[in-house]
N, C-alpha and C. Protein backbone atom coordinates (compact mmCIF):
# COMPACT_ATOMS: atom_id res chain seq x y z
N MET A 1 -10.29 -20.12 10.77
CA MET A 1 -10.61 -19.29 9.63
C MET A 1 -10.60 -20.22 8.45
N SER A 2 -11.56 -20.04 7.56
CA SER A 2 -11.69 -20.83 6.35
C SER A 2 -11.08 -20.12 5.18
N THR A 3 -10.64 -20.83 4.19
CA THR A 3 -10.12 -20.27 2.98
C THR A 3 -10.98 -20.62 1.79
N LEU A 4 -11.37 -19.69 1.00
CA LEU A 4 -12.15 -19.85 -0.19
C LEU A 4 -11.23 -19.69 -1.37
N THR A 5 -11.05 -20.70 -2.23
CA THR A 5 -10.12 -20.60 -3.35
C THR A 5 -10.97 -20.37 -4.61
N VAL A 6 -10.72 -19.27 -5.31
CA VAL A 6 -11.42 -18.94 -6.53
C VAL A 6 -10.46 -18.34 -7.54
N THR A 7 -10.94 -18.26 -8.82
CA THR A 7 -10.22 -17.60 -9.85
C THR A 7 -10.73 -16.20 -10.12
N ASN A 8 -12.02 -16.04 -10.04
CA ASN A 8 -12.68 -14.77 -10.27
C ASN A 8 -13.65 -14.47 -9.11
N ILE A 9 -13.91 -13.22 -8.90
CA ILE A 9 -14.90 -12.81 -7.91
C ILE A 9 -15.86 -11.83 -8.48
N LYS A 10 -17.05 -11.76 -7.91
CA LYS A 10 -18.08 -10.80 -8.28
C LYS A 10 -18.83 -10.38 -7.08
N ALA A 11 -18.91 -9.10 -6.80
CA ALA A 11 -19.63 -8.64 -5.65
C ALA A 11 -21.15 -8.72 -5.90
N THR A 12 -21.88 -8.88 -4.82
CA THR A 12 -23.36 -8.89 -4.94
C THR A 12 -23.79 -7.60 -5.58
N GLY A 13 -24.69 -7.72 -6.61
CA GLY A 13 -25.18 -6.55 -7.31
C GLY A 13 -24.39 -6.13 -8.49
N GLU A 14 -23.17 -6.68 -8.64
CA GLU A 14 -22.32 -6.34 -9.82
C GLU A 14 -22.69 -7.25 -10.99
N THR A 15 -22.45 -6.78 -12.21
CA THR A 15 -22.77 -7.58 -13.38
C THR A 15 -21.50 -8.26 -13.91
N ALA A 16 -20.31 -7.68 -13.62
CA ALA A 16 -19.08 -8.22 -14.14
C ALA A 16 -18.26 -8.83 -13.06
N SER A 17 -17.56 -9.85 -13.38
CA SER A 17 -16.65 -10.45 -12.43
C SER A 17 -15.19 -9.96 -12.74
N ARG A 18 -14.30 -10.17 -11.84
CA ARG A 18 -12.91 -9.75 -12.07
C ARG A 18 -11.97 -10.81 -11.51
N ALA A 19 -10.79 -10.83 -12.08
CA ALA A 19 -9.79 -11.80 -11.64
C ALA A 19 -9.35 -11.49 -10.20
N VAL A 20 -9.18 -12.47 -9.39
CA VAL A 20 -8.68 -12.26 -8.04
C VAL A 20 -7.32 -11.62 -8.06
N SER A 21 -6.48 -11.86 -9.09
CA SER A 21 -5.18 -11.28 -9.14
C SER A 21 -5.25 -9.77 -9.34
N GLY A 22 -6.41 -9.23 -9.69
CA GLY A 22 -6.57 -7.81 -9.87
C GLY A 22 -6.93 -7.05 -8.62
N VAL A 23 -7.07 -7.74 -7.55
CA VAL A 23 -7.47 -7.16 -6.27
C VAL A 23 -6.18 -6.82 -5.48
N ALA A 24 -6.16 -5.64 -4.83
CA ALA A 24 -4.95 -5.25 -4.09
C ALA A 24 -4.58 -6.28 -3.06
N GLY A 25 -3.26 -6.60 -2.99
CA GLY A 25 -2.77 -7.54 -1.99
C GLY A 25 -2.49 -6.85 -0.63
N ALA A 26 -2.40 -5.51 -0.70
CA ALA A 26 -2.20 -4.74 0.54
C ALA A 26 -2.64 -3.26 0.23
N TRP A 27 -3.07 -2.58 1.28
CA TRP A 27 -3.41 -1.16 1.15
C TRP A 27 -3.34 -0.52 2.51
N ILE A 28 -3.15 0.80 2.52
CA ILE A 28 -3.03 1.49 3.81
C ILE A 28 -3.55 2.95 3.69
N ASP A 29 -4.09 3.40 4.76
CA ASP A 29 -4.50 4.81 4.97
C ASP A 29 -3.69 5.28 6.16
N LEU A 30 -2.61 6.02 5.93
CA LEU A 30 -1.65 6.37 6.99
C LEU A 30 -1.77 7.86 7.35
N VAL A 31 -1.68 8.14 8.64
CA VAL A 31 -1.50 9.49 9.10
C VAL A 31 0.03 9.70 9.20
N GLY A 32 0.56 10.57 8.30
CA GLY A 32 1.98 10.67 8.12
C GLY A 32 2.64 11.87 8.81
N THR A 33 1.93 12.56 9.73
CA THR A 33 2.50 13.67 10.45
C THR A 33 2.51 13.38 11.95
N GLY A 34 3.42 14.06 12.65
CA GLY A 34 3.56 13.82 14.08
C GLY A 34 3.94 12.38 14.36
N THR A 35 3.28 11.79 15.31
CA THR A 35 3.43 10.36 15.59
C THR A 35 2.61 9.60 14.53
N ILE A 36 3.28 8.93 13.60
CA ILE A 36 2.51 8.33 12.54
C ILE A 36 1.56 7.24 13.05
N SER A 37 0.47 7.00 12.36
CA SER A 37 -0.47 5.95 12.79
C SER A 37 -1.17 5.41 11.57
N ILE A 38 -1.63 4.21 11.65
CA ILE A 38 -2.42 3.58 10.58
C ILE A 38 -3.91 3.81 10.93
N ASP A 39 -4.60 4.50 10.05
CA ASP A 39 -6.08 4.66 10.22
C ASP A 39 -6.78 3.40 9.79
N ALA A 40 -6.41 2.80 8.70
CA ALA A 40 -7.01 1.58 8.18
C ALA A 40 -6.04 0.95 7.26
N SER A 41 -6.07 -0.42 7.17
CA SER A 41 -5.17 -1.13 6.32
C SER A 41 -5.60 -2.56 6.04
N PHE A 42 -4.99 -3.14 5.06
CA PHE A 42 -5.13 -4.58 4.81
C PHE A 42 -3.75 -5.10 4.48
N ASN A 43 -3.39 -6.19 5.15
CA ASN A 43 -2.06 -6.86 4.91
C ASN A 43 -0.88 -5.94 5.19
N ILE A 44 -1.05 -5.02 6.14
CA ILE A 44 0.06 -4.16 6.57
C ILE A 44 0.33 -4.51 8.03
N ALA A 45 1.57 -5.00 8.35
CA ALA A 45 1.91 -5.36 9.72
C ALA A 45 2.33 -4.14 10.50
N SER A 46 3.11 -3.22 9.82
CA SER A 46 3.57 -2.04 10.57
C SER A 46 4.08 -1.06 9.54
N VAL A 47 4.28 0.20 10.02
CA VAL A 47 4.91 1.23 9.22
C VAL A 47 5.94 1.89 10.09
N THR A 48 7.14 2.15 9.49
CA THR A 48 8.27 2.80 10.18
C THR A 48 8.43 4.15 9.59
N ASP A 49 8.61 5.17 10.45
CA ASP A 49 8.89 6.55 10.02
C ASP A 49 10.41 6.69 9.93
N ASN A 50 10.95 6.78 8.73
CA ASN A 50 12.42 6.84 8.52
C ASN A 50 12.93 8.31 8.46
N GLY A 51 12.08 9.26 8.64
CA GLY A 51 12.44 10.67 8.52
C GLY A 51 11.40 11.42 7.76
N THR A 52 11.67 12.64 7.45
CA THR A 52 10.68 13.48 6.74
C THR A 52 10.26 12.88 5.41
N GLY A 53 8.97 12.59 5.27
CA GLY A 53 8.42 12.04 4.05
C GLY A 53 8.91 10.69 3.61
N ASP A 54 9.40 9.90 4.50
CA ASP A 54 10.05 8.59 4.21
C ASP A 54 9.53 7.54 5.13
N TYR A 55 8.81 6.56 4.59
CA TYR A 55 8.13 5.53 5.37
C TYR A 55 8.44 4.15 4.80
N THR A 56 8.49 3.15 5.65
CA THR A 56 8.61 1.77 5.18
C THR A 56 7.37 1.06 5.70
N GLN A 57 6.61 0.43 4.74
CA GLN A 57 5.45 -0.33 5.11
C GLN A 57 5.82 -1.82 4.99
N THR A 58 5.58 -2.57 6.07
CA THR A 58 5.91 -3.97 6.10
C THR A 58 4.62 -4.78 5.97
N TYR A 59 4.69 -5.77 5.09
CA TYR A 59 3.47 -6.61 4.85
C TYR A 59 3.31 -7.72 5.85
N SER A 60 2.10 -8.01 6.23
CA SER A 60 1.77 -9.13 7.11
C SER A 60 2.02 -10.46 6.41
N ASN A 61 1.64 -10.51 5.14
CA ASN A 61 1.87 -11.70 4.29
C ASN A 61 2.69 -11.25 3.08
N ALA A 62 3.76 -11.98 2.80
CA ALA A 62 4.66 -11.64 1.73
C ALA A 62 4.06 -11.80 0.34
N PHE A 63 4.59 -11.00 -0.63
CA PHE A 63 4.25 -11.16 -1.99
C PHE A 63 5.17 -12.20 -2.61
N SER A 64 4.78 -12.87 -3.71
CA SER A 64 5.56 -13.93 -4.30
C SER A 64 6.79 -13.46 -5.05
N SER A 65 6.85 -12.17 -5.43
CA SER A 65 8.01 -11.62 -6.13
C SER A 65 8.11 -10.13 -5.88
N ASN A 66 9.20 -9.53 -6.29
CA ASN A 66 9.39 -8.05 -6.15
C ASN A 66 8.72 -7.32 -7.28
N ASP A 67 8.13 -8.00 -8.23
CA ASP A 67 7.48 -7.36 -9.39
C ASP A 67 6.03 -6.96 -8.97
N LEU A 68 5.97 -5.75 -8.35
CA LEU A 68 4.75 -5.27 -7.78
C LEU A 68 4.34 -3.98 -8.46
N SER A 69 3.07 -3.67 -8.41
CA SER A 69 2.54 -2.45 -8.94
C SER A 69 1.93 -1.64 -7.74
N PHE A 70 2.17 -0.34 -7.73
CA PHE A 70 1.71 0.50 -6.61
C PHE A 70 0.81 1.60 -7.12
N LEU A 71 -0.18 1.91 -6.35
CA LEU A 71 -1.00 3.12 -6.53
C LEU A 71 -0.77 3.94 -5.26
N THR A 72 -0.28 5.15 -5.41
CA THR A 72 0.09 5.97 -4.25
C THR A 72 -0.55 7.36 -4.34
N SER A 73 -0.85 7.91 -3.21
CA SER A 73 -1.36 9.32 -3.17
C SER A 73 -1.13 9.85 -1.75
N SER A 74 -1.19 11.16 -1.67
CA SER A 74 -1.16 11.85 -0.42
C SER A 74 -1.72 13.25 -0.62
N ASN A 75 -1.85 13.98 0.39
CA ASN A 75 -2.37 15.34 0.24
C ASN A 75 -1.16 16.33 -0.01
N GLY A 76 -0.04 15.73 -0.36
CA GLY A 76 1.13 16.47 -0.76
C GLY A 76 1.17 16.59 -2.29
N TYR A 77 2.27 16.98 -2.81
CA TYR A 77 2.44 17.16 -4.26
C TYR A 77 2.64 15.86 -4.99
N MET A 78 3.48 14.98 -4.45
CA MET A 78 3.76 13.71 -5.11
C MET A 78 4.07 12.63 -4.08
N THR A 79 3.69 11.42 -4.38
CA THR A 79 3.96 10.26 -3.55
C THR A 79 4.47 9.14 -4.44
N ARG A 80 5.48 8.43 -4.01
CA ARG A 80 5.95 7.30 -4.84
C ARG A 80 6.42 6.16 -3.94
N ALA A 81 6.24 4.96 -4.42
CA ALA A 81 6.83 3.78 -3.77
C ALA A 81 8.09 3.43 -4.51
N TYR A 82 9.08 2.98 -3.80
CA TYR A 82 10.33 2.57 -4.40
C TYR A 82 10.90 1.41 -3.54
N ASN A 83 11.95 0.78 -4.05
CA ASN A 83 12.58 -0.29 -3.33
C ASN A 83 11.56 -1.32 -2.84
N SER A 84 10.75 -1.82 -3.79
CA SER A 84 9.73 -2.82 -3.42
C SER A 84 10.40 -4.16 -3.25
N GLN A 85 10.07 -4.81 -2.17
CA GLN A 85 10.55 -6.13 -1.85
C GLN A 85 9.32 -7.02 -1.58
N THR A 86 9.53 -8.32 -1.38
CA THR A 86 8.37 -9.20 -1.11
C THR A 86 7.78 -8.95 0.22
N THR A 87 8.50 -8.39 1.17
CA THR A 87 8.02 -8.22 2.52
C THR A 87 7.79 -6.74 2.99
N TYR A 88 8.25 -5.80 2.13
CA TYR A 88 8.13 -4.43 2.52
C TYR A 88 8.27 -3.54 1.28
N ALA A 89 7.89 -2.25 1.43
CA ALA A 89 8.12 -1.23 0.40
C ALA A 89 8.39 0.06 1.08
N ASP A 90 9.26 0.88 0.47
CA ASP A 90 9.53 2.22 0.94
C ASP A 90 8.66 3.21 0.17
N VAL A 91 8.12 4.18 0.87
CA VAL A 91 7.24 5.17 0.31
C VAL A 91 7.75 6.57 0.68
N ARG A 92 7.78 7.44 -0.29
CA ARG A 92 8.23 8.83 -0.02
C ARG A 92 7.19 9.85 -0.52
N THR A 93 7.01 10.89 0.22
CA THR A 93 6.13 12.00 -0.17
C THR A 93 6.93 13.29 -0.33
N TYR A 94 6.51 14.12 -1.28
CA TYR A 94 7.23 15.30 -1.70
C TYR A 94 6.32 16.49 -1.79
N ASN A 95 6.91 17.69 -1.62
CA ASN A 95 6.18 18.93 -1.79
C ASN A 95 6.34 19.40 -3.26
N SER A 96 5.78 20.56 -3.63
CA SER A 96 5.87 21.01 -4.99
C SER A 96 7.29 21.41 -5.47
N ALA A 97 8.18 21.63 -4.51
CA ALA A 97 9.60 21.92 -4.84
C ALA A 97 10.42 20.63 -4.93
N ALA A 98 9.74 19.48 -4.91
CA ALA A 98 10.34 18.17 -4.97
C ALA A 98 11.26 17.86 -3.79
N SER A 99 10.96 18.48 -2.64
CA SER A 99 11.65 18.17 -1.40
C SER A 99 10.77 17.28 -0.52
N ALA A 100 11.38 16.44 0.23
CA ALA A 100 10.61 15.52 1.10
C ALA A 100 9.70 16.35 2.07
N GLY A 101 8.49 15.81 2.27
CA GLY A 101 7.59 16.48 3.19
C GLY A 101 6.69 15.49 3.86
N ASP A 102 6.28 15.76 5.13
CA ASP A 102 5.31 14.89 5.81
C ASP A 102 3.92 15.47 5.52
N TYR A 103 2.97 14.49 5.30
CA TYR A 103 1.58 14.89 5.00
C TYR A 103 0.62 14.06 5.85
N SER A 104 -0.49 14.68 6.19
CA SER A 104 -1.43 14.04 7.11
C SER A 104 -2.08 12.82 6.52
N ARG A 105 -2.22 12.69 5.18
CA ARG A 105 -2.84 11.49 4.58
C ARG A 105 -1.91 10.94 3.56
N VAL A 106 -1.55 9.71 3.71
CA VAL A 106 -0.68 8.98 2.76
C VAL A 106 -1.40 7.63 2.48
N HIS A 107 -1.57 7.31 1.21
CA HIS A 107 -2.29 6.12 0.86
C HIS A 107 -1.48 5.31 -0.14
N THR A 108 -1.44 4.02 -0.02
CA THR A 108 -0.85 3.12 -1.00
C THR A 108 -1.72 1.89 -1.18
N ALA A 109 -1.72 1.38 -2.33
CA ALA A 109 -2.30 0.07 -2.66
C ALA A 109 -1.26 -0.70 -3.42
N THR A 110 -0.97 -1.93 -3.02
CA THR A 110 0.02 -2.75 -3.64
C THR A 110 -0.63 -3.92 -4.37
N PHE A 111 -0.29 -4.13 -5.62
CA PHE A 111 -0.88 -5.21 -6.42
C PHE A 111 0.23 -6.19 -6.77
N GLY A 112 -0.09 -7.43 -6.60
CA GLY A 112 0.83 -8.57 -6.90
C GLY A 112 0.29 -9.81 -6.28
N ASP A 113 0.87 -10.93 -6.62
CA ASP A 113 0.45 -12.21 -6.06
C ASP A 113 1.05 -12.44 -4.69
N LEU A 114 0.28 -12.83 -3.75
CA LEU A 114 0.78 -13.13 -2.40
C LEU A 114 1.27 -14.60 -2.39
N VAL A 115 2.15 -14.87 -1.46
CA VAL A 115 2.73 -16.23 -1.32
C VAL A 115 1.62 -17.15 -0.88
């Protein structure tokens, strides 16, 4: 595999370029009910089901610090990432009563510099 080292990227057909550091370092489309499974992902080695609405996503390649930014969503009421580390993050999903709940679609995108 080859490595291309750049500061900015621009997709074919786009007029503006963007900093490489603005691209997600990891993302996942998770089925969070029953036996959990990963539908699609980038830089996610595995996901552990810790109980109702509680998941740990482990990164294939570590981030350079714990200072990460997350974009989270699910088909539940609220989703949040917490306890972010360089090699994993914990994600929780909640219903409208603010109780933990499992949902069929859980998505996260993690932004930060990879090692």
